[in-house]
Amino acid sequence: KLEEKRESKRESKRESKKARKQARKKEIEKERKRETKKERRKEEKRERERKKKREREKEREKERKKKRKKSKSGERQRGRKEGRKEGRKEGRKEGRKEGRKE
């Protein structure tokens, strides 16, 4: 009878040990899945950021090109205008000088 009791005790210990081992295994598996999910999310986030950055860079480049075109045409016009202004100024100066002399 005592022997049977001991044997059943050993058996229950073995069973509980197995159960604990299985539970630990399950927990580890869950943790691993959680980690991979986190990593995937992080990677997706990084990818989105890269995409946004690329888009922003493209937009900036477009703006730069537009500005370059505008500034070039603006410079030409500005050059003409300044040339005219200079001519006018010179004419005025000449007129003043002549007016003083007389």
C-alpha atoms as a PDB file:
ATOM      1  CA  LYS A   1       0.000   0.000   0.000  1.00  0.00           C
ATOM      2  CA  LEU A   2       2.789   2.452   0.958  1.00  0.00           C
ATOM      3  CA  GLU A   3       4.637   1.535  -2.214  1.00  0.00           C
ATOM      4  CA  GLU A   4       1.561   2.337  -4.296  1.00  0.00           C
ATOM      5  CA  LYS A   5       1.205   5.712  -2.552  1.00  0.00           C
ATOM      6  CA  ARG A   6       4.854   6.579  -3.247  1.00  0.00           C
ATOM      7  CA  GLU A   7       4.498   5.511  -6.852  1.00  0.00           C
ATOM      8  CA  SER A   8       1.357   7.630  -7.370  1.00  0.00           C
ATOM      9  CA  LYS A   9       3.135  10.595  -5.735  1.00  0.00           C
ATOM     10  CA  ARG A  10       6.112  10.177  -8.087  1.00  0.00           C
ATOM     11  CA  GLU A  11       3.742   9.913 -11.015  1.00  0.00           C
ATOM     12  CA  SER A  12       1.890  13.101 -10.073  1.00  0.00           C
ATOM     13  CA  LYS A  13       5.252  14.887  -9.627  1.00  0.00           C
ATOM     14  CA  ARG A  14       6.320  13.740 -13.086  1.00  0.00           C
ATOM     15  CA  GLU A  15       3.014  14.905 -14.546  1.00  0.00           C
ATOM     16  CA  SER A  16       3.215  18.330 -12.904  1.00  0.00           C
ATOM     17  CA  LYS A  17       6.828  18.681 -14.072  1.00  0.00           C
ATOM     18  CA  LYS A  18       5.745  17.866 -17.624  1.00  0.00           C
ATOM     19  CA  ALA A  19       2.877  20.326 -17.377  1.00  0.00           C
ATOM     20  CA  ARG A  20       5.221  23.080 -16.134  1.00  0.00           C
ATOM     21  CA  LYS A  21       7.637  22.342 -18.956  1.00  0.00           C
ATOM     22  CA  GLN A  22       4.820  22.533 -21.517  1.00  0.00           C
ATOM     23  CA  ALA A  23       3.533  25.788 -20.019  1.00  0.00           C
ATOM     24  CA  ARG A  24       7.031  27.286 -20.150  1.00  0.00           C
ATOM     25  CA  LYS A  25       7.374  26.154 -23.763  1.00  0.00           C
ATOM     26  CA  LYS A  26       4.032  27.739 -24.648  1.00  0.00           C
ATOM     27  CA  GLU A  27       4.998  30.981 -22.901  1.00  0.00           C
ATOM     28  CA  ILE A  28       8.303  31.124 -24.754  1.00  0.00           C
ATOM     29  CA  GLU A  29       6.497  30.547 -28.054  1.00  0.00           C
ATOM     30  CA  LYS A  30       4.011  33.324 -27.274  1.00  0.00           C
ATOM     31  CA  GLU A  31       6.854  35.686 -26.376  1.00  0.00           C
ATOM     32  CA  ARG A  32       8.671  34.846 -29.602  1.00  0.00           C
ATOM     33  CA  LYS A  33       5.528  35.532 -31.628  1.00  0.00           C
ATOM     34  CA  ARG A  34       5.048  38.822 -29.805  1.00  0.00           C
ATOM     35  CA  GLU A  35       8.644  39.807 -30.555  1.00  0.00           C
ATOM     36  CA  THR A  36       8.340  38.964 -34.243  1.00  0.00           C
ATOM     37  CA  LYS A  37       5.111  40.967 -34.404  1.00  0.00           C
ATOM     38  CA  LYS A  38       6.874  43.935 -32.784  1.00  0.00           C
ATOM     39  CA  GLU A  39       9.769  43.637 -35.199  1.00  0.00           C
ATOM     40  CA  ARG A  40       7.407  43.456 -38.169  1.00  0.00           C
ATOM     41  CA  ARG A  41       5.561  46.552 -36.977  1.00  0.00           C
ATOM     42  CA  LYS A  42       8.831  48.417 -36.476  1.00  0.00           C
ATOM     43  CA  GLU A  43      10.025  47.429 -39.929  1.00  0.00           C
ATOM     44  CA  GLU A  44       6.730  48.540 -41.499  1.00  0.00           C
ATOM     45  CA  LYS A  45       6.966  51.851 -39.665  1.00  0.00           C
ATOM     46  CA  ARG A  46      10.527  52.368 -40.906  1.00  0.00           C
ATOM     47  CA  GLU A  47       9.400  51.561 -44.432  1.00  0.00           C
ATOM     48  CA  ARG A  48       6.566  54.110 -44.218  1.00  0.00           C
ATOM     49  CA  GLU A  49       9.002  56.741 -42.933  1.00  0.00           C
ATOM     50  CA  ARG A  50      11.389  56.054 -45.802  1.00  0.00           C
ATOM     51  CA  LYS A  51       8.540  56.363 -48.287  1.00  0.00           C
ATOM     52  CA  LYS A  52       7.411  59.685 -46.789  1.00  0.00           C
ATOM     53  CA  LYS A  53      10.983  60.949 -46.864  1.00  0.00           C
ATOM     54  CA  ARG A  54      11.329  60.010 -50.537  1.00  0.00           C
ATOM     55  CA  GLU A  55       8.046  61.771 -51.362  1.00  0.00           C
ATOM     56  CA  ARG A  56       9.122  64.908 -49.496  1.00  0.00           C
ATOM     57  CA  GLU A  57      12.449  64.885 -51.308  1.00  0.00           C
ATOM     58  CA  LYS A  58      10.690  64.613 -54.679  1.00  0.00           C
ATOM     59  CA  GLU A  59       8.436  67.546 -53.785  1.00  0.00           C
ATOM     60  CA  ARG A  60      11.424  69.626 -52.722  1.00  0.00           C
ATOM     61  CA  GLU A  61      13.192  68.812 -55.963  1.00  0.00           C
ATOM     62  CA  LYS A  62      10.126  69.908 -57.970  1.00  0.00           C
ATOM     63  CA  GLU A  63       9.979  73.159 -56.009  1.00  0.00           C
ATOM     64  CA  ARG A  64      13.680  73.772 -56.592  1.00  0.00           C
ATOM     65  CA  LYS A  65      13.254  73.241 -60.323  1.00  0.00           C
ATOM     66  CA  LYS A  66      10.292  75.635 -60.428  1.00  0.00           C
ATOM     67  CA  LYS A  67      12.229  78.256 -58.495  1.00  0.00           C
ATOM     68  CA  ARG A  68      15.215  77.876 -60.793  1.00  0.00           C
ATOM     69  CA  LYS A  69      13.034  78.426 -63.858  1.00  0.00           C
ATOM     70  CA  LYS A  70      11.309  81.408 -62.270  1.00  0.00           C
ATOM     71  CA  SER A  71      14.538  82.982 -61.092  1.00  0.00           C
ATOM     72  CA  LYS A  72      16.122  82.628 -64.527  1.00  0.00           C
ATOM     73  CA  SER A  73      13.250  84.411 -66.273  1.00  0.00           C
ATOM     74  CA  GLY A  74      13.115  86.911 -63.416  1.00  0.00           C
ATOM     75  CA  GLU A  75      16.814  87.635 -63.747  1.00  0.00           C
ATOM     76  CA  ARG A  76      16.428  88.413 -67.434  1.00  0.00           C
ATOM     77  CA  GLN A  77      13.572  90.804 -66.753  1.00  0.00           C
ATOM     78  CA  ARG A  78      15.362  92.292 -63.787  1.00  0.00           C
ATOM     79  CA  GLY A  79      18.430  92.855 -65.930  1.00  0.00           C
ATOM     80  CA  ARG A  80      16.393  94.726 -68.513  1.00  0.00           C
ATOM     81  CA  LYS A  81      14.606  96.782 -65.885  1.00  0.00           C
ATOM     82  CA  GLU A  82      17.837  97.699 -64.143  1.00  0.00           C
ATOM     83  CA  GLY A  83      19.367  98.635 -67.473  1.00  0.00           C
ATOM     84  CA  ARG A  84      16.462 100.976 -68.136  1.00  0.00           C
ATOM     85  CA  LYS A  85      16.707 102.419 -64.648  1.00  0.00           C
ATOM     86  CA  GLU A  86      20.401 103.068 -65.079  1.00  0.00           C
ATOM     87  CA  GLY A  87      19.731 104.776 -68.398  1.00  0.00           C
ATOM     88  CA  ARG A  88      17.070 106.972 -66.827  1.00  0.00           C
ATOM     89  CA  LYS A  89      19.310 107.862 -63.912  1.00  0.00           C
ATOM     90  CA  GLU A  90      22.109 108.814 -66.239  1.00  0.00           C
ATOM     91  CA  GLY A  91      19.709 110.910 -68.312  1.00  0.00           C
ATOM     92  CA  ARG A  92      18.440 112.696 -65.206  1.00  0.00           C
ATOM     93  CA  LYS A  93      21.943 113.370 -63.966  1.00  0.00           C
ATOM     94  CA  GLU A  94      22.902 114.799 -67.311  1.00  0.00           C
ATOM     95  CA  GLY A  95      19.776 116.938 -67.341  1.00  0.00           C
ATOM     96  CA  ARG A  96      20.507 118.259 -63.844  1.00  0.00           C
ATOM     97  CA  LYS A  97      24.099 119.063 -64.679  1.00  0.00           C
ATOM     98  CA  GLU A  98      23.027 120.966 -67.742  1.00  0.00           C
ATOM     99  CA  GLY A  99      20.368 122.773 -65.725  1.00  0.00           C
ATOM    100  CA  ARG A 100      22.965 123.883 -63.163  1.00  0.00           C
ATOM    101  CA  LYS A 101      25.340 125.136 -65.814  1.00  0.00           C
ATOM    102  CA  GLU A 102      22.705 127.358 -67.312  1.00  0.00           C
END
